[in-house]
Protein backbone atom coordinates (compact mmCIF):
# COMPACT_ATOMS: atom_id res chain seq x y z
CA MET A 1 8.39 -41.30 8.39
CA ALA A 2 7.15 -39.65 11.61
CA SER A 3 7.39 -41.58 14.77
CA LYS A 4 4.38 -42.25 16.92
CA GLY A 5 5.46 -39.69 19.56
CA ALA A 6 6.16 -36.83 17.11
CA LYS A 7 3.89 -33.91 17.38
CA SER A 8 2.42 -32.29 14.28
CA LYS A 9 2.33 -28.57 13.77
CA PRO A 10 -0.88 -26.91 14.98
CA ARG A 11 -3.38 -25.91 12.31
CA ALA A 12 -3.48 -22.35 11.26
CA PRO A 13 -6.63 -20.58 12.40
CA GLN A 14 -9.33 -19.92 9.81
CA GLN A 15 -9.85 -16.41 11.01
CA THR A 16 -7.23 -14.10 12.50
CA PHE A 17 -9.67 -11.27 13.36
CA GLU A 18 -7.25 -8.68 12.00
CA GLU A 19 -9.61 -7.30 9.33
CA VAL A 20 -10.71 -4.42 11.56
CA ASN A 21 -7.14 -3.47 12.40
CA TYR A 22 -6.11 -3.62 8.66
CA LEU A 23 -9.11 -1.55 7.49
CA ARG A 24 -8.60 0.99 10.34
CA ARG A 25 -4.95 1.43 9.29
CA LEU A 26 -5.88 1.89 5.64
CA ALA A 27 -8.51 4.43 6.51
CA ASP A 28 -6.41 6.36 9.05
CA GLN A 29 -3.35 6.61 6.72
CA GLY A 30 -5.50 7.45 3.62
CA THR A 31 -3.94 4.56 1.72
CA ARG A 32 -5.26 4.13 -1.82
CA VAL A 33 -6.82 0.71 -2.39
CA ARG A 34 -8.22 -1.23 -5.29
CA VAL A 35 -11.29 -3.33 -4.68
CA ARG A 36 -12.43 -6.18 -6.91
CA LEU A 37 -16.04 -7.30 -6.57
CA ALA A 38 -17.39 -10.77 -7.16
CA ASP A 39 -18.64 -9.79 -10.62
CA ASN A 40 -15.03 -8.63 -11.50
CA GLN A 41 -15.75 -4.90 -11.42
CA GLU A 42 -12.76 -2.95 -9.99
CA PHE A 43 -12.85 0.38 -8.18
CA SER A 44 -10.01 2.34 -6.58
CA GLY A 45 -10.09 5.00 -3.98
CA VAL A 46 -9.55 5.65 -0.21
CA ILE A 47 -11.49 3.84 2.50
CA GLU A 48 -13.27 6.62 4.46
CA PHE A 49 -15.50 4.50 6.67
CA PHE A 50 -16.29 0.78 7.29
CA ASP A 51 -18.30 -1.30 9.58
CA ALA A 52 -19.25 -4.97 9.83
CA GLY A 53 -21.28 -5.03 6.59
CA PHE A 54 -19.75 -2.49 4.16
CA ILE A 55 -16.94 -0.10 3.36
CA ARG A 56 -17.24 3.40 2.04
CA LEU A 57 -14.82 4.04 -0.87
CA THR A 58 -14.05 7.64 -1.65
CA ARG A 59 -13.07 8.20 -5.28
CA GLU A 60 -11.65 11.13 -7.22
CA ASP A 61 -12.92 9.87 -10.59
CA GLY A 62 -16.55 9.26 -9.67
CA PRO A 63 -19.10 9.20 -6.94
CA ASN A 64 -18.31 7.62 -3.53
CA LEU A 65 -19.29 4.07 -3.20
CA PHE A 66 -20.84 1.95 -0.36
CA LEU A 67 -19.59 -1.60 -1.05
CA TYR A 68 -21.00 -4.57 0.82
CA LYS A 69 -18.28 -6.79 2.16
CA HIS A 70 -20.07 -9.96 0.94
CA ASP A 71 -19.78 -8.63 -2.62
CA ILE A 72 -15.93 -8.00 -2.34
CA LYS A 73 -13.75 -10.65 -3.81
CA TYR A 74 -10.57 -8.96 -2.59
CA LEU A 75 -8.91 -5.60 -2.01
CA TYR A 76 -5.28 -4.56 -1.98
CA GLU A 77 -3.21 -1.47 -1.52
CA ASP A 78 -2.86 0.29 -4.90
CA PRO A 79 0.80 1.34 -5.31
CA GLU A 80 0.22 3.72 -8.17
CA PRO A 81 -2.99 5.69 -8.93
CA GLU A 82 -4.27 5.45 -12.52
CA LEU A 83 -3.60 8.47 -14.74
């Protein structure tokens, strides 16, 4: 039981504002990523460009895509390209 004078941990922030730094690192290093959209479609490629509203995904197996950020469920670094 916590005493009256005990301080609780501060709440974690809802936004860290690190998205730009992360996307810039992925683009600069040419890191392969996999993107899952809200409708569960998945695409993989390299982020070539991004801004506040979309990312440009450069792919080898198809045309380059402009993906709106509000349509992206999540993205992650793809450790192994598909063969």
